[in-house]
């Protein structure tokens, strides 16, 4: 026998039982002999179960989708730019890895950089300090590199640096970067080994 299903109606006030007490949503759903239609909870539409601020109209939803697409395209564009700048070849001009110095020694480091990518490096390209030991005397953390066409090379020099006063091993890490903070290529470094020289160091 088919069950008699009454058409749901939109509630204009809080439902009450026979005694006039307000009924909860759980009580409404557990009421026997009632079969809610899909998308309607005993006459209560989904829109009435959510605060108005949580409901997105079609215009808001379209705007949100457009914003997400723009951000995704921006990430793809920046990745393409960084790939076009390539992974530069950067041999040492001086001071090879694990160069031995006396504590407190002053020096200037240089690299020869080659643009191996298909696009020129921007004019605002710099070499910036990213991690490790700070060896700069004046605390400069970036050095000018400038525009470098594909296949071309440029010598990059630091300002005057100084080895720490305590013997040990020290490493300072650097990377190429543009004025927007976009880093490219691998990290390069300055690696020093410091100890005090004495006649005993040479077996004298």
N, C-alpha and C. Protein backbone atom coordinates (compact mmCIF):
# COMPACT_ATOMS: atom_id res chain seq x y z
N UNK A 1 0.85 -1.19 0.00
CA UNK A 1 0.00 0.00 0.00
C UNK A 1 0.88 1.23 0.00
N UNK A 2 0.56 2.15 -0.88
CA UNK A 2 1.39 3.36 -1.00
C UNK A 2 1.21 4.23 0.23
N UNK A 3 2.33 4.79 0.68
CA UNK A 3 2.31 5.65 1.87
C UNK A 3 1.89 7.05 1.47
N UNK A 4 1.07 7.62 2.28
CA UNK A 4 0.59 8.98 2.00
C UNK A 4 1.69 9.97 2.36
N UNK A 5 2.24 10.66 1.34
CA UNK A 5 3.31 11.64 1.55
C UNK A 5 2.76 13.02 1.32
N UNK A 6 2.72 13.79 2.34
CA UNK A 6 2.21 15.16 2.19
C UNK A 6 3.27 16.04 1.60
N UNK A 7 2.86 17.02 0.82
CA UNK A 7 3.81 17.94 0.19
C UNK A 7 4.46 18.80 1.25
N UNK A 8 5.81 18.93 1.20
CA UNK A 8 6.50 19.77 2.18
C UNK A 8 6.16 21.24 1.99
N UNK A 9 6.10 21.90 3.07
CA UNK A 9 5.79 23.34 3.01
C UNK A 9 6.90 24.11 3.68
N UNK A 10 7.14 25.33 3.22
CA UNK A 10 8.17 26.19 3.79
C UNK A 10 7.70 26.69 5.15
N UNK A 11 8.54 26.51 6.18
CA UNK A 11 8.15 26.92 7.52
C UNK A 11 8.29 28.43 7.68
N UNK A 12 7.30 29.01 8.27
CA UNK A 12 7.37 30.45 8.50
C UNK A 12 7.71 30.76 9.94
N UNK A 13 7.67 29.71 10.81
CA UNK A 13 8.01 29.90 12.21
C UNK A 13 8.60 28.61 12.74
N UNK A 14 9.11 28.61 13.94
CA UNK A 14 9.70 27.43 14.53
C UNK A 14 8.61 26.39 14.78
N UNK A 15 8.77 25.12 14.29
CA UNK A 15 7.76 24.07 14.50
C UNK A 15 7.60 23.77 15.98
N UNK A 16 6.37 23.43 16.41
CA UNK A 16 6.08 23.07 17.79
C UNK A 16 5.32 21.76 17.81
N UNK A 17 5.37 21.06 18.96
CA UNK A 17 4.61 19.82 19.09
C UNK A 17 3.20 20.13 19.58
N UNK A 18 2.45 19.08 19.91
CA UNK A 18 1.06 19.26 20.32
C UNK A 18 0.93 20.06 21.60
N UNK A 19 2.00 20.01 22.40
CA UNK A 19 1.95 20.74 23.67
C UNK A 19 2.45 22.18 23.51
N UNK A 20 2.82 22.55 22.28
CA UNK A 20 3.28 23.91 22.05
C UNK A 20 4.75 24.12 22.30
N UNK A 21 5.51 23.02 22.52
CA UNK A 21 6.95 23.14 22.76
C UNK A 21 7.69 23.16 21.42
N UNK A 22 8.72 24.01 21.28
CA UNK A 22 9.50 24.04 20.03
C UNK A 22 10.16 22.69 19.77
N UNK A 23 10.12 22.26 18.52
CA UNK A 23 10.74 20.99 18.14
C UNK A 23 12.11 21.24 17.50
N UNK A 24 13.08 20.39 17.85
CA UNK A 24 14.41 20.48 17.25
C UNK A 24 14.40 19.85 15.87
N UNK A 25 15.48 20.10 15.10
CA UNK A 25 15.61 19.50 13.76
C UNK A 25 15.68 17.99 13.85
N UNK A 26 16.34 17.48 14.91
CA UNK A 26 16.44 16.01 15.08
C UNK A 26 15.07 15.42 15.29
N UNK A 27 14.25 16.10 16.09
CA UNK A 27 12.90 15.61 16.35
C UNK A 27 12.08 15.60 15.08
N UNK A 28 12.24 16.62 14.25
CA UNK A 28 11.51 16.68 12.99
C UNK A 28 11.88 15.53 12.07
N UNK A 29 13.20 15.25 11.99
CA UNK A 29 13.66 14.19 11.09
C UNK A 29 13.25 12.81 11.56
N UNK A 30 13.10 12.65 12.88
CA UNK A 30 12.75 11.33 13.42
C UNK A 30 11.25 11.12 13.54
N UNK A 31 10.49 12.09 13.08
CA UNK A 31 9.04 11.98 13.16
C UNK A 31 8.55 10.85 12.29
N UNK A 32 7.81 9.88 12.83
CA UNK A 32 7.36 8.72 12.02
C UNK A 32 6.34 9.11 10.97
N UNK A 33 6.35 8.30 9.91
CA UNK A 33 5.35 8.48 8.87
C UNK A 33 5.61 9.65 7.97
N UNK A 34 6.81 10.19 7.99
CA UNK A 34 7.14 11.34 7.14
C UNK A 34 8.33 11.00 6.27
N UNK A 35 8.24 11.20 5.00
CA UNK A 35 9.33 10.94 4.05
C UNK A 35 9.71 12.24 3.35
N UNK A 36 10.78 12.88 3.77
CA UNK A 36 11.16 14.15 3.12
C UNK A 36 11.55 13.93 1.68
N UNK A 37 11.24 14.87 0.86
CA UNK A 37 11.70 14.82 -0.53
C UNK A 37 13.19 15.13 -0.60
N UNK A 38 13.87 14.64 -1.66
CA UNK A 38 15.30 14.95 -1.79
C UNK A 38 15.55 16.45 -1.78
N UNK A 39 16.51 16.88 -0.97
CA UNK A 39 16.87 18.29 -0.92
C UNK A 39 16.02 19.12 0.01
N UNK A 40 15.00 18.49 0.64
CA UNK A 40 14.14 19.23 1.56
C UNK A 40 14.02 18.45 2.84
N UNK A 41 14.28 19.06 3.98
CA UNK A 41 14.19 18.41 5.28
C UNK A 41 12.88 18.82 5.94
N UNK A 42 11.84 18.01 5.71
CA UNK A 42 10.53 18.25 6.30
C UNK A 42 10.09 19.69 6.13
N UNK A 43 10.15 20.12 4.89
CA UNK A 43 9.67 21.46 4.59
C UNK A 43 10.69 22.55 4.81
N UNK A 44 11.94 22.17 5.20
CA UNK A 44 12.97 23.19 5.40
C UNK A 44 13.95 23.09 4.24
N UNK A 45 14.06 24.13 3.43
CA UNK A 45 14.99 24.10 2.31
C UNK A 45 16.41 24.24 2.80
N UNK A 46 17.41 23.71 2.05
CA UNK A 46 18.81 23.82 2.48
C UNK A 46 19.24 25.25 2.74
N UNK A 47 18.67 26.22 2.02
CA UNK A 47 19.07 27.61 2.20
C UNK A 47 18.77 28.11 3.60
N UNK A 48 17.74 27.51 4.23
CA UNK A 48 17.38 27.98 5.57
C UNK A 48 18.26 27.36 6.64
N UNK A 49 19.03 26.32 6.28
CA UNK A 49 19.92 25.68 7.25
C UNK A 49 21.27 26.34 7.32
N UNK A 50 21.59 27.25 6.37
CA UNK A 50 22.89 27.90 6.32
C UNK A 50 22.74 29.39 6.55
N UNK A 51 23.71 30.01 7.25
CA UNK A 51 23.69 31.48 7.37
C UNK A 51 23.79 32.11 5.99
N UNK A 52 23.20 33.26 5.84
CA UNK A 52 23.18 33.92 4.54
C UNK A 52 24.58 34.19 4.03
N UNK A 53 25.55 34.47 4.95
CA UNK A 53 26.91 34.81 4.54
C UNK A 53 27.62 33.64 3.88
N UNK A 54 27.12 32.39 4.15
CA UNK A 54 27.78 31.22 3.59
C UNK A 54 27.24 30.82 2.23
N UNK A 55 26.21 31.51 1.76
CA UNK A 55 25.61 31.19 0.48
C UNK A 55 26.24 32.03 -0.62
N UNK A 56 26.73 31.38 -1.68
CA UNK A 56 27.33 32.08 -2.81
C UNK A 56 26.34 32.12 -3.96
N UNK A 57 26.07 33.30 -4.46
CA UNK A 57 25.26 33.37 -5.66
C UNK A 57 26.13 33.05 -6.87
N UNK A 58 25.56 32.98 -8.04
CA UNK A 58 26.29 32.58 -9.23
C UNK A 58 27.39 33.57 -9.58
N UNK A 59 27.18 34.87 -9.31
CA UNK A 59 28.19 35.89 -9.61
C UNK A 59 29.41 35.72 -8.72
N UNK A 60 29.18 35.49 -7.41
CA UNK A 60 30.29 35.30 -6.47
C UNK A 60 31.08 34.05 -6.81
N UNK A 61 30.38 32.97 -7.15
CA UNK A 61 31.06 31.72 -7.49
C UNK A 61 31.91 31.90 -8.74
N UNK A 62 31.39 32.61 -9.73
CA UNK A 62 32.15 32.83 -10.96
C UNK A 62 33.39 33.67 -10.69
N UNK A 63 33.25 34.69 -9.81
CA UNK A 63 34.39 35.53 -9.46
C UNK A 63 35.46 34.74 -8.75
N UNK A 64 35.07 33.86 -7.83
CA UNK A 64 36.03 33.02 -7.10
C UNK A 64 36.78 32.10 -8.06
N UNK A 65 36.03 31.49 -8.99
CA UNK A 65 36.65 30.58 -9.97
C UNK A 65 37.64 31.32 -10.86
N UNK A 66 37.27 32.55 -11.29
CA UNK A 66 38.15 33.35 -12.14
C UNK A 66 39.43 33.72 -11.42
N UNK A 67 39.33 34.07 -10.12
CA UNK A 67 40.50 34.44 -9.33
C UNK A 67 41.45 33.26 -9.18
N UNK A 68 40.89 32.07 -8.93
CA UNK A 68 41.72 30.87 -8.78
C UNK A 68 42.45 30.56 -10.08
N UNK A 69 41.76 30.74 -11.22
CA UNK A 69 42.39 30.47 -12.52
C UNK A 69 43.53 31.44 -12.78
N UNK A 70 43.33 32.72 -12.43
CA UNK A 70 44.39 33.72 -12.63
C UNK A 70 45.62 33.38 -11.80
N UNK A 71 45.42 32.97 -10.53
CA UNK A 71 46.55 32.62 -9.67
C UNK A 71 47.30 31.42 -10.22
N UNK A 72 46.56 30.44 -10.74
CA UNK A 72 47.19 29.25 -11.32
C UNK A 72 48.00 29.63 -12.56
N UNK A 73 47.45 30.48 -13.41
CA UNK A 73 48.16 30.91 -14.61
C UNK A 73 49.41 31.71 -14.25
N UNK A 74 49.33 32.51 -13.16
CA UNK A 74 50.48 33.29 -12.72
C UNK A 74 51.62 32.38 -12.29
N UNK A 75 51.28 31.30 -11.55
CA UNK A 75 52.31 30.35 -11.12
C UNK A 75 52.96 29.67 -12.31
N UNK A 76 52.14 29.30 -13.31
CA UNK A 76 52.68 28.65 -14.50
C UNK A 76 53.60 29.59 -15.25
N UNK A 77 53.21 30.87 -15.38
CA UNK A 77 54.03 31.86 -16.09
C UNK A 77 55.37 32.05 -15.39
N UNK A 78 55.36 32.15 -14.07
CA UNK A 78 56.61 32.37 -13.34
C UNK A 78 57.52 31.15 -13.44
N UNK A 79 56.94 29.96 -13.43
CA UNK A 79 57.75 28.75 -13.60
C UNK A 79 58.42 28.75 -14.97
N UNK A 80 57.68 29.18 -15.99
CA UNK A 80 58.24 29.24 -17.34
C UNK A 80 59.38 30.25 -17.42
N UNK A 81 59.24 31.38 -16.73
CA UNK A 81 60.29 32.39 -16.71
C UNK A 81 61.55 31.85 -16.08
N UNK A 82 61.41 31.19 -14.93
CA UNK A 82 62.57 30.66 -14.22
C UNK A 82 63.27 29.58 -15.05
N UNK A 83 62.49 28.75 -15.74
CA UNK A 83 63.09 27.72 -16.60
C UNK A 83 63.85 28.37 -17.76
N UNK A 84 63.31 29.47 -18.28
CA UNK A 84 63.96 30.14 -19.41
C UNK A 84 65.30 30.75 -19.01
N UNK A 85 65.41 31.14 -17.73
CA UNK A 85 66.69 31.69 -17.27
C UNK A 85 67.73 30.60 -17.07
N UNK A 86 67.28 29.36 -17.04
CA UNK A 86 68.20 28.22 -17.02
C UNK A 86 68.90 28.01 -15.69
N UNK A 87 69.77 27.00 -15.69
CA UNK A 87 70.63 26.70 -14.54
C UNK A 87 72.04 27.12 -14.93
N UNK A 88 72.51 28.24 -14.42
CA UNK A 88 73.79 28.78 -14.88
C UNK A 88 74.99 27.92 -14.48
N UNK A 89 76.01 27.98 -15.32
CA UNK A 89 77.29 27.37 -15.00
C UNK A 89 78.11 28.40 -14.23
N UNK A 90 78.57 28.03 -13.01
CA UNK A 90 79.23 29.01 -12.15
C UNK A 90 80.50 28.41 -11.55
N UNK A 91 81.59 28.41 -12.28
CA UNK A 91 82.85 27.95 -11.68
C UNK A 91 83.48 29.04 -10.81
N UNK A 92 84.38 28.63 -9.92
CA UNK A 92 85.08 29.59 -9.07
C UNK A 92 86.19 30.28 -9.86
N UNK A 93 86.27 31.59 -9.71
CA UNK A 93 87.43 32.32 -10.24
C UNK A 93 88.59 32.26 -9.26
N UNK A 94 88.27 32.23 -8.00
CA UNK A 94 89.29 32.18 -6.96
C UNK A 94 88.69 31.52 -5.71
N UNK A 95 89.49 31.28 -4.74
CA UNK A 95 89.08 30.70 -3.45
C UNK A 95 88.25 29.43 -3.66
N UNK A 96 88.86 28.33 -3.97
CA UNK A 96 88.14 27.06 -4.14
C UNK A 96 87.55 26.58 -2.82
N UNK A 97 86.72 25.53 -2.89
CA UNK A 97 86.11 24.97 -1.68
C UNK A 97 87.19 24.53 -0.70
N UNK A 98 86.90 24.74 0.58
CA UNK A 98 87.79 24.38 1.68
C UNK A 98 89.13 25.13 1.61
N UNK A 99 89.07 26.33 1.08
CA UNK A 99 90.25 27.20 1.09
C UNK A 99 90.69 27.44 2.54
N UNK A 100 91.99 27.30 2.79
CA UNK A 100 92.52 27.49 4.14
C UNK A 100 92.92 28.94 4.35
N UNK A 101 92.41 29.52 5.42
CA UNK A 101 92.73 30.88 5.80
C UNK A 101 93.07 30.92 7.29
N UNK A 102 93.76 31.96 7.67
CA UNK A 102 93.94 32.24 9.09
C UNK A 102 92.68 32.92 9.59
N UNK A 103 92.28 32.70 10.82
CA UNK A 103 91.12 33.41 11.38
C UNK A 103 91.28 34.92 11.24
N UNK A 104 90.20 35.58 10.82
CA UNK A 104 90.22 37.03 10.67
C UNK A 104 90.77 37.52 9.34
N UNK A 105 91.16 36.60 8.45
CA UNK A 105 91.71 37.01 7.16
C UNK A 105 90.63 37.68 6.31
N UNK A 106 91.01 38.70 5.54
CA UNK A 106 90.08 39.39 4.65
C UNK A 106 90.31 38.95 3.21
N UNK A 107 89.21 38.89 2.44
CA UNK A 107 89.31 38.38 1.07
C UNK A 107 88.13 38.90 0.24
N UNK A 108 88.21 38.71 -1.08
CA UNK A 108 87.12 39.01 -2.00
C UNK A 108 86.91 37.78 -2.87
N UNK A 109 85.67 37.32 -2.94
CA UNK A 109 85.32 36.12 -3.69
C UNK A 109 84.80 36.49 -5.08
N UNK A 110 85.10 35.64 -6.08
CA UNK A 110 84.62 35.89 -7.45
C UNK A 110 84.19 34.59 -8.11
N UNK A 111 83.11 34.68 -8.90
CA UNK A 111 82.64 33.55 -9.71
C UNK A 111 82.52 34.02 -11.16
N UNK A 112 82.68 33.11 -12.09
CA UNK A 112 82.39 33.39 -13.50
C UNK A 112 81.07 32.69 -13.83
N UNK A 113 80.05 33.50 -14.14
CA UNK A 113 78.70 32.97 -14.36
C UNK A 113 78.36 32.96 -15.85
N UNK A 114 77.78 31.86 -16.29
CA UNK A 114 77.38 31.72 -17.69
C UNK A 114 75.88 31.45 -17.75
N UNK A 115 75.18 32.20 -18.59
CA UNK A 115 73.75 32.01 -18.79
C UNK A 115 73.54 30.87 -19.79
N UNK A 116 73.13 29.71 -19.29
CA UNK A 116 72.90 28.55 -20.16
C UNK A 116 71.43 28.41 -20.55
N UNK A 117 70.59 29.38 -20.23
CA UNK A 117 69.17 29.32 -20.59
C UNK A 117 68.89 29.98 -21.92
N UNK A 118 67.65 29.84 -22.43
CA UNK A 118 67.28 30.44 -23.72
C UNK A 118 66.89 31.90 -23.63
N UNK A 119 66.75 32.45 -22.43
CA UNK A 119 66.31 33.85 -22.26
C UNK A 119 67.36 34.64 -21.50
N UNK A 120 67.46 35.93 -21.76
CA UNK A 120 68.43 36.77 -21.01
C UNK A 120 68.02 36.93 -19.57
N UNK A 121 69.01 37.05 -18.70
CA UNK A 121 68.71 37.38 -17.30
C UNK A 121 68.30 38.84 -17.23
N UNK A 122 67.36 39.18 -16.36
CA UNK A 122 66.90 40.58 -16.27
C UNK A 122 67.99 41.51 -15.76
N UNK A 123 67.82 42.79 -16.04
CA UNK A 123 68.82 43.78 -15.65
C UNK A 123 68.94 43.91 -14.14
N UNK A 124 67.91 43.50 -13.38
CA UNK A 124 67.96 43.63 -11.93
C UNK A 124 68.45 42.36 -11.23
N UNK A 125 69.08 41.45 -11.99
CA UNK A 125 69.60 40.22 -11.40
C UNK A 125 70.69 40.52 -10.38
N UNK A 126 70.60 39.86 -9.22
CA UNK A 126 71.59 40.02 -8.17
C UNK A 126 71.96 38.65 -7.60
N UNK A 127 73.09 38.62 -6.92
CA UNK A 127 73.48 37.44 -6.16
C UNK A 127 73.19 37.76 -4.70
N UNK A 128 72.32 36.94 -4.06
CA UNK A 128 71.87 37.26 -2.71
C UNK A 128 72.25 36.17 -1.72
N UNK A 129 72.53 36.58 -0.51
CA UNK A 129 72.83 35.65 0.58
C UNK A 129 71.54 34.95 1.01
N UNK A 130 71.59 33.61 1.15
CA UNK A 130 70.37 32.87 1.50
C UNK A 130 70.50 32.05 2.78
N UNK A 131 71.71 31.64 3.15
CA UNK A 131 71.84 30.80 4.35
C UNK A 131 73.32 30.65 4.72
N UNK A 132 73.53 30.08 5.90
CA UNK A 132 74.90 29.77 6.31
C UNK A 132 75.55 30.89 7.10
N UNK A 133 76.88 30.94 7.01
CA UNK A 133 77.67 31.89 7.79
C UNK A 133 77.79 33.23 7.07
N UNK A 134 77.58 34.30 7.80
CA UNK A 134 77.71 35.65 7.24
C UNK A 134 79.18 36.06 7.30
N UNK A 135 79.76 36.26 6.14
CA UNK A 135 81.19 36.59 6.06
C UNK A 135 81.41 38.03 5.60
N UNK A 136 80.33 38.79 5.38
CA UNK A 136 80.44 40.13 4.85
C UNK A 136 80.85 41.11 5.94
N UNK A 137 81.79 41.98 5.65
CA UNK A 137 82.24 42.96 6.63
C UNK A 137 81.17 44.02 6.86
N UNK A 138 80.56 44.54 5.78
CA UNK A 138 79.56 45.60 5.92
C UNK A 138 78.14 45.06 5.91
N UNK A 139 77.99 43.73 6.04
CA UNK A 139 76.69 43.06 6.10
C UNK A 139 75.89 43.17 4.81
N UNK A 140 76.57 43.47 3.69
CA UNK A 140 75.88 43.48 2.40
C UNK A 140 75.43 42.06 2.07
N UNK A 141 74.16 41.91 1.69
CA UNK A 141 73.62 40.58 1.42
C UNK A 141 73.25 40.38 -0.04
N UNK A 142 73.62 41.32 -0.91
CA UNK A 142 73.33 41.17 -2.33
C UNK A 142 74.36 41.92 -3.15
N UNK A 143 74.72 41.31 -4.30
CA UNK A 143 75.73 41.89 -5.18
C UNK A 143 75.17 41.94 -6.60
N UNK A 144 75.44 43.03 -7.29
CA UNK A 144 74.90 43.26 -8.63
C UNK A 144 75.47 42.26 -9.64
N UNK A 145 74.59 41.70 -10.46
CA UNK A 145 74.99 40.82 -11.58
C UNK A 145 74.58 41.48 -12.89
N UNK A 146 73.33 41.91 -12.99
CA UNK A 146 72.84 42.60 -14.19
C UNK A 146 72.37 41.66 -15.28
N UNK A 147 72.03 42.24 -16.43
CA UNK A 147 71.54 41.48 -17.57
C UNK A 147 72.67 40.67 -18.20
N UNK A 148 72.36 39.40 -18.50
CA UNK A 148 73.33 38.52 -19.16
C UNK A 148 72.59 37.79 -20.29
N UNK A 149 72.97 38.03 -21.56
CA UNK A 149 72.31 37.36 -22.68
C UNK A 149 72.58 35.85 -22.67
N UNK A 150 71.75 35.06 -23.32
CA UNK A 150 71.97 33.61 -23.40
C UNK A 150 73.36 33.30 -23.98
N UNK A 151 74.07 32.38 -23.34
CA UNK A 151 75.38 31.96 -23.82
C UNK A 151 76.52 32.86 -23.40
N UNK A 152 76.22 34.00 -22.77
CA UNK A 152 77.26 34.94 -22.37
C UNK A 152 77.71 34.67 -20.93
N UNK A 153 78.89 35.20 -20.59
CA UNK A 153 79.45 35.03 -19.26
C UNK A 153 79.69 36.39 -18.60
N UNK A 154 79.72 36.39 -17.27
CA UNK A 154 79.98 37.61 -16.53
C UNK A 154 80.71 37.24 -15.24
N UNK A 155 81.67 38.07 -14.85
CA UNK A 155 82.37 37.87 -13.58
C UNK A 155 81.62 38.63 -12.49
N UNK A 156 81.35 37.94 -11.40
CA UNK A 156 80.64 38.55 -10.27
C UNK A 156 81.57 38.55 -9.07
N UNK A 157 81.75 39.73 -8.49
CA UNK A 157 82.64 39.89 -7.34
C UNK A 157 81.84 40.31 -6.12
N UNK A 158 82.22 39.78 -4.98
CA UNK A 158 81.62 40.22 -3.74
C UNK A 158 82.34 41.48 -3.26
N UNK A 159 81.78 42.10 -2.25
CA UNK A 159 82.53 43.15 -1.56
C UNK A 159 83.56 42.46 -0.68
N UNK A 160 84.34 43.25 0.02
CA UNK A 160 85.37 42.66 0.87
C UNK A 160 84.71 41.85 2.00
N UNK A 161 85.24 40.66 2.20
CA UNK A 161 84.73 39.77 3.24
C UNK A 161 85.83 39.47 4.25
N UNK A 162 85.38 38.89 5.37
CA UNK A 162 86.33 38.59 6.44
C UNK A 162 86.02 37.25 7.05
N UNK A 163 87.05 36.43 7.22
CA UNK A 163 86.88 35.13 7.88
C UNK A 163 86.63 35.35 9.37
N UNK A 164 85.84 34.47 9.99
CA UNK A 164 85.60 34.59 11.44
C UNK A 164 86.92 34.48 12.23
N UNK A 165 86.86 34.89 13.47
CA UNK A 165 88.05 34.90 14.32
C UNK A 165 88.29 33.56 15.03
N UNK A 166 87.36 32.63 14.91
CA UNK A 166 87.47 31.34 15.60
C UNK A 166 87.79 30.25 14.57
N UNK A 167 88.81 29.43 14.79
CA UNK A 167 89.13 28.35 13.85
C UNK A 167 87.94 27.42 13.66
N UNK A 168 87.85 26.84 12.47
CA UNK A 168 86.76 25.92 12.17
C UNK A 168 86.43 25.94 10.69
N UNK A 169 85.30 25.33 10.32
CA UNK A 169 84.84 25.28 8.93
C UNK A 169 83.60 26.14 8.79
N UNK A 170 83.57 27.00 7.75
CA UNK A 170 82.47 27.93 7.56
C UNK A 170 81.99 27.88 6.10
N UNK A 171 80.67 27.94 5.92
CA UNK A 171 80.07 27.93 4.58
C UNK A 171 79.01 29.01 4.49
N UNK A 172 79.05 29.79 3.42
CA UNK A 172 78.08 30.84 3.16
C UNK A 172 77.39 30.55 1.83
N UNK A 173 76.04 30.49 1.80
CA UNK A 173 75.28 30.10 0.60
C UNK A 173 74.65 31.32 -0.08
N UNK A 174 74.67 31.30 -1.42
CA UNK A 174 74.17 32.41 -2.22
C UNK A 174 73.37 31.89 -3.40
N UNK A 175 72.45 32.74 -3.93
CA UNK A 175 71.69 32.37 -5.13
C UNK A 175 71.41 33.59 -5.98
N UNK A 176 71.20 33.35 -7.27
CA UNK A 176 70.77 34.41 -8.18
C UNK A 176 69.30 34.73 -7.93
N UNK A 177 68.95 36.01 -8.08
CA UNK A 177 67.59 36.45 -7.76
C UNK A 177 67.30 37.75 -8.50
N UNK A 178 66.01 37.98 -8.84
CA UNK A 178 65.65 39.27 -9.44
C UNK A 178 65.03 40.16 -8.36
N UNK A 179 64.65 41.37 -8.73
CA UNK A 179 64.14 42.33 -7.74
C UNK A 179 62.79 41.93 -7.17
N UNK A 180 62.09 40.97 -7.80
CA UNK A 180 60.81 40.49 -7.30
C UNK A 180 60.98 39.33 -6.32
N UNK A 181 62.23 38.97 -6.04
CA UNK A 181 62.47 37.88 -5.10
C UNK A 181 62.43 36.50 -5.72
N UNK A 182 62.39 36.42 -7.05
CA UNK A 182 62.36 35.11 -7.72
C UNK A 182 63.78 34.57 -7.86
N UNK A 183 64.09 33.48 -7.16
CA UNK A 183 65.41 32.89 -7.21
C UNK A 183 65.49 31.86 -8.33
N UNK A 184 66.64 31.74 -8.94
CA UNK A 184 66.79 30.74 -10.00
C UNK A 184 68.21 30.19 -9.96
N UNK A 185 68.38 29.02 -10.60
CA UNK A 185 69.67 28.36 -10.56
C UNK A 185 69.90 27.67 -9.22
N UNK A 186 71.01 26.97 -9.11
CA UNK A 186 71.34 26.29 -7.87
C UNK A 186 72.04 27.23 -6.91
N UNK A 187 72.07 26.84 -5.63
CA UNK A 187 72.84 27.60 -4.64
C UNK A 187 74.33 27.46 -4.92
N UNK A 188 75.07 28.53 -4.68
CA UNK A 188 76.52 28.48 -4.73
C UNK A 188 77.03 28.87 -3.34
N UNK A 189 78.29 28.64 -3.07
CA UNK A 189 78.75 28.86 -1.71
C UNK A 189 80.21 29.26 -1.65
N UNK A 190 80.57 29.80 -0.49
CA UNK A 190 81.95 30.08 -0.13
C UNK A 190 82.27 29.17 1.05
N UNK A 191 83.28 28.35 0.90
CA UNK A 191 83.62 27.37 1.95
C UNK A 191 85.06 27.60 2.42
N UNK A 192 85.21 27.88 3.70
CA UNK A 192 86.52 28.19 4.27
C UNK A 192 86.85 27.23 5.40
N UNK A 193 88.14 26.93 5.53
CA UNK A 193 88.65 26.19 6.68
C UNK A 193 89.67 27.08 7.37
N UNK A 194 89.46 27.36 8.63
CA UNK A 194 90.31 28.31 9.35
C UNK A 194 91.08 27.60 10.47
N UNK A 195 92.38 27.89 10.52
CA UNK A 195 93.17 27.47 11.68
C UNK A 195 94.39 28.37 11.77
N UNK A 196 94.95 28.43 12.95
CA UNK A 196 96.11 29.31 13.19
C UNK A 196 97.36 28.68 12.60
N UNK A 197 98.10 29.46 11.81
CA UNK A 197 99.36 28.97 11.24
C UNK A 197 100.44 29.13 12.30
N UNK A 198 101.34 28.16 12.35
CA UNK A 198 102.47 28.21 13.26
C UNK A 198 103.58 27.35 12.67
N UNK A 199 104.80 27.47 13.18
CA UNK A 199 105.89 26.62 12.67
C UNK A 199 105.55 25.16 12.73
N UNK A 200 104.72 24.74 13.69
CA UNK A 200 104.38 23.33 13.81
C UNK A 200 103.47 22.88 12.68
N UNK A 201 102.74 23.84 12.04
CA UNK A 201 101.86 23.48 10.93
C UNK A 201 102.65 22.95 9.75
N UNK A 202 103.92 23.35 9.62
CA UNK A 202 104.74 22.93 8.49
C UNK A 202 105.82 21.94 8.92
N UNK A 203 105.74 21.44 10.13
CA UNK A 203 106.68 20.46 10.61
C UNK A 203 108.05 21.02 10.90
N UNK A 204 108.11 22.31 11.22
CA UNK A 204 109.40 22.94 11.48
C UNK A 204 109.77 22.83 12.95
